[in-house]
Amino acid sequence: MLTCKESSVLLSQAQERPLGLGERLRLRLHLLACAGCTNFSRQLRIIRAAIRRQRDEDA
């Protein structure tokens, strides 16, 4: 299983590139077991959505 550090790296990389099947599966398993990383993942999605909204408003 991934460590929290490895999970946070993959979550960040997923914002920039598609993860491979193995990466996605290992990350999903970790997120099922780790509330902290699940919260981090949710925060990243919220931040990304806010940036998209701001960019759309500026256009």
PDB file of N, CA and C in Angstrom:
ATOM      1  N   MET A   1       0.854  -1.187   0.000  1.00  0.00           N
ATOM      2  CA  MET A   1       0.000   0.000   0.000  1.00  0.00           C
ATOM      3  C   MET A   1       0.894   1.244   0.000  1.00  0.00           C
ATOM      4  N   LEU A   2       0.376   2.305  -0.585  1.00  0.00           N
ATOM      5  CA  LEU A   2       1.097   3.573  -0.630  1.00  0.00           C
ATOM      6  C   LEU A   2       1.203   4.193   0.756  1.00  0.00           C
ATOM      7  N   THR A   3       2.250   4.976   0.947  1.00  0.00           N
ATOM      8  CA  THR A   3       2.331   5.809   2.139  1.00  0.00           C
ATOM      9  C   THR A   3       1.550   7.093   1.862  1.00  0.00           C
ATOM     10  N   CYS A   4       1.300   7.859   2.900  1.00  0.00           N
ATOM     11  CA  CYS A   4       0.609   9.138   2.706  1.00  0.00           C
ATOM     12  C   CYS A   4       1.433  10.075   1.827  1.00  0.00           C
ATOM     13  N   LYS A   5       2.739  10.048   1.990  1.00  0.00           N
ATOM     14  CA  LYS A   5       3.600  10.908   1.166  1.00  0.00           C
ATOM     15  C   LYS A   5       3.484  10.514  -0.306  1.00  0.00           C
ATOM     16  N   GLU A   6       3.547   9.205  -0.598  1.00  0.00           N
ATOM     17  CA  GLU A   6       3.420   8.744  -1.976  1.00  0.00           C
ATOM     18  C   GLU A   6       2.043   9.088  -2.532  1.00  0.00           C
ATOM     19  N   SER A   7       1.035   8.961  -1.696  1.00  0.00           N
ATOM     20  CA  SER A   7      -0.327   9.281  -2.104  1.00  0.00           C
ATOM     21  C   SER A   7      -0.458  10.762  -2.458  1.00  0.00           C
ATOM     22  N   SER A   8       0.101  11.626  -1.623  1.00  0.00           N
ATOM     23  CA  SER A   8      -0.005  13.063  -1.895  1.00  0.00           C
ATOM     24  C   SER A   8       0.734  13.440  -3.174  1.00  0.00           C
ATOM     25  N   VAL A   9       1.852  12.767  -3.450  1.00  0.00           N
ATOM     26  CA  VAL A   9       2.576  13.019  -4.698  1.00  0.00           C
ATOM     27  C   VAL A   9       1.703  12.615  -5.889  1.00  0.00           C
ATOM     28  N   LEU A  10       1.096  11.434  -5.823  1.00  0.00           N
ATOM     29  CA  LEU A  10       0.236  10.986  -6.928  1.00  0.00           C
ATOM     30  C   LEU A  10      -0.982  11.886  -7.098  1.00  0.00           C
ATOM     31  N   LEU A  11      -1.566  12.315  -5.990  1.00  0.00           N
ATOM     32  CA  LEU A  11      -2.719  13.219  -6.083  1.00  0.00           C
ATOM     33  C   LEU A  11      -2.324  14.520  -6.773  1.00  0.00           C
ATOM     34  N   SER A  12      -1.156  15.024  -6.449  1.00  0.00           N
ATOM     35  CA  SER A  12      -0.682  16.252  -7.091  1.00  0.00           C
ATOM     36  C   SER A  12      -0.376  16.013  -8.563  1.00  0.00           C
ATOM     37  N   GLN A  13       0.275  14.896  -8.862  1.00  0.00           N
ATOM     38  CA  GLN A  13       0.598  14.590 -10.254  1.00  0.00           C
ATOM     39  C   GLN A  13      -0.663  14.383 -11.086  1.00  0.00           C
ATOM     40  N   ALA A  14      -1.699  13.843 -10.475  1.00  0.00           N
ATOM     41  CA  ALA A  14      -2.952  13.600 -11.193  1.00  0.00           C
ATOM     42  C   ALA A  14      -3.585  14.899 -11.683  1.00  0.00           C
ATOM     43  N   GLN A  15      -3.205  16.016 -11.085  1.00  0.00           N
ATOM     44  CA  GLN A  15      -3.712  17.306 -11.547  1.00  0.00           C
ATOM     45  C   GLN A  15      -3.066  17.705 -12.871  1.00  0.00           C
ATOM     46  N   GLU A  16      -1.904  17.126 -13.164  1.00  0.00           N
ATOM     47  CA  GLU A  16      -1.127  17.514 -14.342  1.00  0.00           C
ATOM     48  C   GLU A  16      -1.075  16.450 -15.434  1.00  0.00           C
ATOM     49  N   ARG A  17      -1.290  15.193 -15.053  1.00  0.00           N
ATOM     50  CA  ARG A  17      -1.175  14.110 -16.036  1.00  0.00           C
ATOM     51  C   ARG A  17      -2.111  12.978 -15.657  1.00  0.00           C
ATOM     52  N   PRO A  18      -2.507  12.180 -16.639  1.00  0.00           N
ATOM     53  CA  PRO A  18      -3.327  11.014 -16.301  1.00  0.00           C
ATOM     54  C   PRO A  18      -2.471   9.959 -15.601  1.00  0.00           C
ATOM     55  N   LEU A  19      -3.004   9.392 -14.539  1.00  0.00           N
ATOM     56  CA  LEU A  19      -2.292   8.333 -13.829  1.00  0.00           C
ATOM     57  C   LEU A  19      -2.505   7.010 -14.543  1.00  0.00           C
ATOM     58  N   GLY A  20      -1.503   6.151 -14.446  1.00  0.00           N
ATOM     59  CA  GLY A  20      -1.622   4.811 -15.009  1.00  0.00           C
ATOM     60  C   GLY A  20      -2.579   3.969 -14.187  1.00  0.00           C
ATOM     61  N   LEU A  21      -2.964   2.838 -14.735  1.00  0.00           N
ATOM     62  CA  LEU A  21      -3.917   1.962 -14.060  1.00  0.00           C
ATOM     63  C   LEU A  21      -3.403   1.533 -12.683  1.00  0.00           C
ATOM     64  N   GLY A  22      -2.163   1.099 -12.597  1.00  0.00           N
ATOM     65  CA  GLY A  22      -1.597   0.677 -11.322  1.00  0.00           C
ATOM     66  C   GLY A  22      -1.570   1.803 -10.311  1.00  0.00           C
ATOM     67  N   GLU A  23      -1.199   3.000 -10.762  1.00  0.00           N
ATOM     68  CA  GLU A  23      -1.177   4.164  -9.869  1.00  0.00           C
ATOM     69  C   GLU A  23      -2.576   4.467  -9.346  1.00  0.00           C
ATOM     70  N   ARG A  24      -3.557   4.443 -10.254  1.00  0.00           N
ATOM     71  CA  ARG A  24      -4.937   4.733  -9.848  1.00  0.00           C
ATOM     72  C   ARG A  24      -5.448   3.714  -8.835  1.00  0.00           C
ATOM     73  N   LEU A  25      -5.152   2.440  -9.071  1.00  0.00           N
ATOM     74  CA  LEU A  25      -5.620   1.400  -8.154  1.00  0.00           C
ATOM     75  C   LEU A  25      -4.966   1.522  -6.774  1.00  0.00           C
ATOM     76  N   ARG A  26      -3.661   1.698  -6.750  1.00  0.00           N
ATOM     77  CA  ARG A  26      -2.962   1.847  -5.462  1.00  0.00           C
ATOM     78  C   ARG A  26      -3.456   3.087  -4.727  1.00  0.00           C
ATOM     79  N   LEU A  27      -3.672   4.175  -5.459  1.00  0.00           N
ATOM     80  CA  LEU A  27      -4.153   5.402  -4.842  1.00  0.00           C
ATOM     81  C   LEU A  27      -5.560   5.210  -4.292  1.00  0.00           C
ATOM     82  N   ARG A  28      -6.421   4.574  -5.054  1.00  0.00           N
ATOM     83  CA  ARG A  28      -7.791   4.337  -4.600  1.00  0.00           C
ATOM     84  C   ARG A  28      -7.815   3.492  -3.328  1.00  0.00           C
ATOM     85  N   LEU A  29      -6.991   2.446  -3.284  1.00  0.00           N
ATOM     86  CA  LEU A  29      -6.909   1.609  -2.085  1.00  0.00           C
ATOM     87  C   LEU A  29      -6.446   2.421  -0.881  1.00  0.00           C
ATOM     88  N   HIS A  30      -5.452   3.268  -1.097  1.00  0.00           N
ATOM     89  CA  HIS A  30      -4.967   4.100   0.005  1.00  0.00           C
ATOM     90  C   HIS A  30      -6.065   5.052   0.485  1.00  0.00           C
ATOM     91  N   LEU A  31      -6.765   5.670  -0.455  1.00  0.00           N
ATOM     92  CA  LEU A  31      -7.809   6.630  -0.080  1.00  0.00           C
ATOM     93  C   LEU A  31      -8.953   5.964   0.678  1.00  0.00           C
ATOM     94  N   LEU A  32      -9.221   4.705   0.372  1.00  0.00           N
ATOM     95  CA  LEU A  32     -10.263   3.983   1.116  1.00  0.00           C
ATOM     96  C   LEU A  32      -9.900   3.817   2.586  1.00  0.00           C
ATOM     97  N   ALA A  33      -8.596   3.750   2.862  1.00  0.00           N
ATOM     98  CA  ALA A  33      -8.141   3.493   4.221  1.00  0.00           C
ATOM     99  C   ALA A  33      -7.671   4.736   4.965  1.00  0.00           C
ATOM    100  N   CYS A  34      -7.501   5.850   4.269  1.00  0.00           N
ATOM    101  CA  CYS A  34      -6.866   7.019   4.892  1.00  0.00           C
ATOM    102  C   CYS A  34      -7.739   8.272   4.771  1.00  0.00           C
ATOM    103  N   ALA A  35      -8.314   8.678   5.870  1.00  0.00           N
ATOM    104  CA  ALA A  35      -9.179   9.866   5.874  1.00  0.00           C
ATOM    105  C   ALA A  35      -8.389  11.136   5.584  1.00  0.00           C
ATOM    106  N   GLY A  36      -7.154  11.212   6.064  1.00  0.00           N
ATOM    107  CA  GLY A  36      -6.348  12.410   5.843  1.00  0.00           C
ATOM    108  C   GLY A  36      -6.068  12.648   4.368  1.00  0.00           C
ATOM    109  N   CYS A  37      -5.692  11.608   3.665  1.00  0.00           N
ATOM    110  CA  CYS A  37      -5.418  11.747   2.233  1.00  0.00           C
ATOM    111  C   CYS A  37      -6.706  11.964   1.441  1.00  0.00           C
ATOM    112  N   THR A  38      -7.802  11.386   1.909  1.00  0.00           N
ATOM    113  CA  THR A  38      -9.096  11.631   1.272  1.00  0.00           C
ATOM    114  C   THR A  38      -9.459  13.109   1.397  1.00  0.00           C
ATOM    115  N   ASN A  39      -9.225  13.688   2.562  1.00  0.00           N
ATOM    116  CA  ASN A  39      -9.473  15.122   2.745  1.00  0.00           C
ATOM    117  C   ASN A  39      -8.557  15.953   1.847  1.00  0.00           C
ATOM    118  N   PHE A  40      -7.291  15.560   1.743  1.00  0.00           N
ATOM    119  CA  PHE A  40      -6.348  16.273   0.877  1.00  0.00           C
ATOM    120  C   PHE A  40      -6.820  16.222  -0.572  1.00  0.00           C
ATOM    121  N   SER A  41      -7.281  15.055  -1.011  1.00  0.00           N
ATOM    122  CA  SER A  41      -7.798  14.901  -2.366  1.00  0.00           C
ATOM    123  C   SER A  41      -8.986  15.826  -2.603  1.00  0.00           C
ATOM    124  N   ARG A  42      -9.886  15.878  -1.643  1.00  0.00           N
ATOM    125  CA  ARG A  42     -11.064  16.749  -1.752  1.00  0.00           C
ATOM    126  C   ARG A  42     -10.634  18.217  -1.817  1.00  0.00           C
ATOM    127  N   GLN A  43      -9.663  18.592  -1.017  1.00  0.00           N
ATOM    128  CA  GLN A  43      -9.175  19.973  -1.027  1.00  0.00           C
ATOM    129  C   GLN A  43      -8.568  20.329  -2.381  1.00  0.00           C
ATOM    130  N   LEU A  44      -7.805  19.408  -2.958  1.00  0.00           N
ATOM    131  CA  LEU A  44      -7.227  19.665  -4.285  1.00  0.00           C
ATOM    132  C   LEU A  44      -8.315  19.885  -5.327  1.00  0.00           C
ATOM    133  N   ARG A  45      -9.372  19.076  -5.274  1.00  0.00           N
ATOM    134  CA  ARG A  45     -10.478  19.243  -6.236  1.00  0.00           C
ATOM    135  C   ARG A  45     -11.156  20.596  -6.048  1.00  0.00           C
ATOM    136  N   ILE A  46     -11.361  21.019  -4.807  1.00  0.00           N
ATOM    137  CA  ILE A  46     -12.000  22.306  -4.528  1.00  0.00           C
ATOM    138  C   ILE A  46     -11.142  23.452  -5.052  1.00  0.00           C
ATOM    139  N   ILE A  47      -9.836  23.381  -4.802  1.00  0.00           N
ATOM    140  CA  ILE A  47      -8.917  24.428  -5.267  1.00  0.00           C
ATOM    141  C   ILE A  47      -8.912  24.488  -6.782  1.00  0.00           C
ATOM    142  N   ARG A  48      -8.849  23.327  -7.417  1.00  0.00           N
ATOM    143  CA  ARG A  48      -8.834  23.294  -8.888  1.00  0.00           C
ATOM    144  C   ARG A  48     -10.121  23.880  -9.468  1.00  0.00           C
ATOM    145  N   ALA A  49     -11.251  23.558  -8.867  1.00  0.00           N
ATOM    146  CA  ALA A  49     -12.530  24.097  -9.338  1.00  0.00           C
ATOM    147  C   ALA A  49     -12.588  25.618  -9.155  1.00  0.00           C
ATOM    148  N   ALA A  50     -12.073  26.103  -8.028  1.00  0.00           N
ATOM    149  CA  ALA A  50     -12.068  27.548  -7.777  1.00  0.00           C
ATOM    150  C   ALA A  50     -11.183  28.271  -8.792  1.00  0.00           C
ATOM    151  N   ILE A  51     -10.055  27.682  -9.115  1.00  0.00           N
ATOM    152  CA  ILE A  51      -9.169  28.286 -10.117  1.00  0.00           C
ATOM    153  C   ILE A  51      -9.847  28.319 -11.475  1.00  0.00           C
ATOM    154  N   ARG A  52     -10.531  27.221 -11.840  1.00  0.00           N
ATOM    155  CA  ARG A  52     -11.250  27.189 -13.112  1.00  0.00           C
ATOM    156  C   ARG A  52     -12.323  28.263 -13.167  1.00  0.00           C
ATOM    157  N   ARG A  53     -13.095  28.397 -12.068  1.00  0.00           N
ATOM    158  CA  ARG A  53     -14.148  29.423 -12.034  1.00  0.00           C
ATOM    159  C   ARG A  53     -13.550  30.817 -12.180  1.00  0.00           C
ATOM    160  N   GLN A  54     -12.465  31.074 -11.488  1.00  0.00           N
ATOM    161  CA  GLN A  54     -11.827  32.386 -11.552  1.00  0.00           C
ATOM    162  C   GLN A  54     -11.317  32.667 -12.978  1.00  0.00           C
ATOM    163  N   ARG A  55     -10.719  31.659 -13.581  1.00  0.00           N
ATOM    164  CA  ARG A  55     -10.210  31.809 -14.943  1.00  0.00           C
ATOM    165  C   ARG A  55     -11.351  32.089 -15.914  1.00  0.00           C
ATOM    166  N   ASP A  56     -12.490  31.389 -15.737  1.00  0.00           N
ATOM    167  CA  ASP A  56     -13.641  31.613 -16.605  1.00  0.00           C
ATOM    168  C   ASP A  56     -14.227  33.009 -16.422  1.00  0.00           C
ATOM    169  N   GLU A  57     -14.227  33.494 -15.181  1.00  0.00           N
ATOM    170  CA  GLU A  57     -14.753  34.838 -14.921  1.00  0.00           C
ATOM    171  C   GLU A  57     -13.846  35.922 -15.516  1.00  0.00           C
ATOM    172  N   ASP A  58     -12.543  35.660 -15.549  1.00  0.00           N
ATOM    173  CA  ASP A  58     -11.596  36.630 -16.084  1.00  0.00           C
ATOM    174  C   ASP A  58     -11.596  36.662 -17.609  1.00  0.00           C
ATOM    175  N   ALA A  59     -12.124  35.622 -18.227  1.00  0.00           N
ATOM    176  CA  ALA A  59     -12.089  35.528 -19.704  1.00  0.00           C
ATOM    177  C   ALA A  59     -13.153  36.373 -20.346  1.00  0.00           C
TER     178      ALA A  59
END
